[in-house]
Protein backbone atom coordinates (compact mmCIF):
# COMPACT_ATOMS: atom_id res chain seq x y z
CA UNK A 1 -21.69 -80.73 21.41
CA UNK A 2 -18.86 -78.60 20.33
CA UNK A 3 -19.79 -75.45 18.65
CA UNK A 4 -17.82 -74.78 15.35
CA UNK A 5 -15.71 -71.82 15.42
CA UNK A 6 -16.72 -69.33 12.90
CA UNK A 7 -14.08 -67.25 11.42
CA UNK A 8 -14.35 -63.75 12.96
CA UNK A 9 -16.06 -61.48 10.38
CA UNK A 10 -14.72 -58.25 10.08
CA UNK A 11 -16.99 -55.45 10.59
CA UNK A 12 -16.61 -52.61 8.16
CA UNK A 13 -16.55 -49.33 10.11
CA UNK A 14 -17.95 -46.30 8.45
CA UNK A 15 -15.22 -43.90 7.63
CA UNK A 16 -15.10 -40.75 9.98
CA UNK A 17 -16.09 -37.56 8.08
CA UNK A 18 -14.47 -34.21 8.57
CA UNK A 19 -17.87 -32.66 9.10
CA UNK A 20 -20.82 -34.27 10.63
CA UNK A 21 -23.24 -33.63 7.76
CA UNK A 22 -22.93 -34.13 4.19
CA UNK A 23 -23.12 -31.50 1.84
CA UNK A 24 -25.28 -31.92 -1.36
CA UNK A 25 -24.42 -29.27 -3.93
CA UNK A 26 -26.84 -29.19 -7.02
CA UNK A 27 -25.66 -27.75 -10.18
CA UNK A 28 -27.28 -24.52 -9.58
CA UNK A 29 -25.15 -24.46 -6.30
CA UNK A 30 -21.92 -25.00 -8.00
CA UNK A 31 -22.66 -22.43 -10.72
CA UNK A 32 -23.52 -20.00 -7.96
CA UNK A 33 -20.44 -20.44 -6.22
CA UNK A 34 -18.12 -20.26 -9.44
CA UNK A 35 -20.02 -17.20 -10.31
CA UNK A 36 -19.35 -15.60 -6.83
CA UNK A 37 -15.34 -16.61 -6.93
CA UNK A 38 -15.30 -14.91 -10.40
CA UNK A 39 -17.09 -11.61 -9.10
CA UNK A 40 -14.75 -11.50 -6.13
CA UNK A 41 -11.74 -11.89 -8.33
CA UNK A 42 -12.81 -9.17 -10.57
CA UNK A 43 -13.54 -6.74 -7.69
CA UNK A 44 -9.96 -7.46 -6.27
CA UNK A 45 -8.10 -7.01 -9.69
CA UNK A 46 -7.97 -2.97 -9.35
CA UNK A 47 -6.61 -3.14 -6.02
CA UNK A 48 -3.54 -5.23 -7.06
CA UNK A 49 -3.06 -3.25 -10.32
CA UNK A 50 0.06 -0.96 -10.66
CA UNK A 51 -1.19 2.62 -10.47
CA UNK A 52 1.68 4.34 -12.42
CA UNK A 53 2.62 7.64 -10.96
CA UNK A 54 0.66 6.96 -7.56
CA UNK A 55 3.09 7.19 -5.15
CA UNK A 56 1.21 9.61 -2.64
CA UNK A 57 -2.42 9.15 -1.93
CA UNK A 58 -4.44 12.07 -1.93
CA UNK A 59 -8.00 12.93 -1.00
CA UNK A 60 -10.74 11.60 -3.14
CA UNK A 61 -8.65 9.01 -4.25
CA UNK A 62 -6.34 11.11 -6.17
CA UNK A 63 -2.63 9.94 -6.94
CA UNK A 64 0.42 12.19 -7.03
CA UNK A 65 3.89 11.48 -7.50
CA UNK A 66 6.64 12.08 -4.78
CA UNK A 67 8.26 15.10 -6.94
CA UNK A 68 4.70 16.84 -7.35
CA UNK A 69 4.11 16.72 -3.49
CA UNK A 70 7.57 17.57 -2.56
CA UNK A 71 7.36 20.60 -5.09
CA UNK A 72 3.95 21.61 -3.32
CA UNK A 73 5.47 21.28 0.14
CA UNK A 74 8.66 23.39 -0.82
CA UNK A 75 6.60 25.94 -2.48
CA UNK A 76 4.26 26.25 0.72
CA UNK A 77 7.43 26.38 2.99
CA UNK A 78 9.15 28.89 0.75
CA UNK A 79 6.21 31.31 1.24
CA UNK A 80 7.47 31.76 4.77
CA UNK A 81 11.20 31.96 3.37
CA UNK A 82 11.80 28.26 4.90
CA UNK A 83 11.60 29.41 8.20
CA UNK A 84 9.98 26.89 10.48
CA UNK A 85 9.21 29.10 13.24
CA UNK A 86 7.12 31.37 10.98
CA UNK A 87 3.82 28.98 11.40
CA UNK A 88 2.73 26.08 13.52
CA UNK A 89 1.95 23.97 10.39
CA UNK A 90 5.70 24.42 9.09
CA UNK A 91 7.61 21.93 11.37
CA UNK A 92 5.27 19.00 10.06
CA UNK A 93 5.62 20.44 6.45
CA UNK A 94 9.28 20.15 7.10
CA UNK A 95 9.30 16.60 8.38
CA UNK A 96 7.09 15.58 5.44
CA UNK A 97 9.52 17.17 3.00
CA UNK A 98 12.26 15.49 4.45
CA UNK A 99 10.40 12.07 4.29
CA UNK A 100 9.25 12.70 0.79
CA UNK A 101 13.05 13.83 -0.32
CA UNK A 102 14.27 10.36 0.93
CA UNK A 103 11.69 8.46 -0.94
CA UNK A 104 12.40 10.68 -4.05
CA UNK A 105 15.85 9.80 -3.60
CA UNK A 106 15.38 6.10 -2.97
CA UNK A 107 12.96 5.35 -5.94
CA UNK A 108 14.11 7.83 -8.55
CA UNK A 109 17.84 8.61 -7.70
CA UNK A 110 17.48 12.35 -8.25
CA UNK A 111 20.54 13.17 -5.80
CA UNK A 112 18.71 15.56 -3.46
CA UNK A 113 20.87 16.42 -0.33
CA UNK A 114 18.14 15.54 2.06
CA UNK A 115 20.20 16.77 5.01
CA UNK A 116 19.75 20.16 3.82
CA UNK A 117 16.27 20.78 2.90
CA UNK A 118 16.46 24.27 1.71
CA UNK A 119 19.03 23.26 -1.08
CA UNK A 120 16.78 20.24 -1.90
CA UNK A 121 13.77 22.39 -2.40
CA UNK A 122 15.82 24.55 -4.58
CA UNK A 123 17.14 21.67 -6.55
CA UNK A 124 13.59 20.03 -6.93
CA UNK A 125 11.71 23.17 -7.60
CA UNK A 126 14.58 24.40 -10.01
CA UNK A 127 13.99 27.80 -8.67
CA UNK A 128 15.31 29.92 -5.34
CA UNK A 129 12.25 28.82 -3.22
CA UNK A 130 14.32 28.78 0.08
CA UNK A 131 16.94 31.63 0.51
CA UNK A 132 20.21 30.19 1.54
CA UNK A 133 22.45 32.40 3.65
CA UNK A 134 25.77 33.58 2.52
CA UNK A 135 28.41 31.05 3.31
CA UNK A 136 31.40 33.19 2.94
């Protein structure tokens, strides 16, 4: 006897999942996830908001503009008549003043001469903070 040939039945293969487990979320779980996302967004918003005049960070999360810090550094440097050799902290102050001078020019276009920090300090403080020698 000949066996009748049956058409081959296609077996449905189960779809492969990305994860080996199925996540079942209840309504409370979905609400909790949404609330968590909203809280994270609300907590990160202040980080990315514009800070206004916060160009230089200060201790205790205080902000200052480049000009304020530049004037402060120039006044400190001026106490020593802008002589960098007078105190061990002054080379760092002079370097920082030069960096702030460049940033002040870049963002506020004040026209300071950053190659001559003494004249830049005199211009930004609007006084004779640093004595400039006679050029005669």
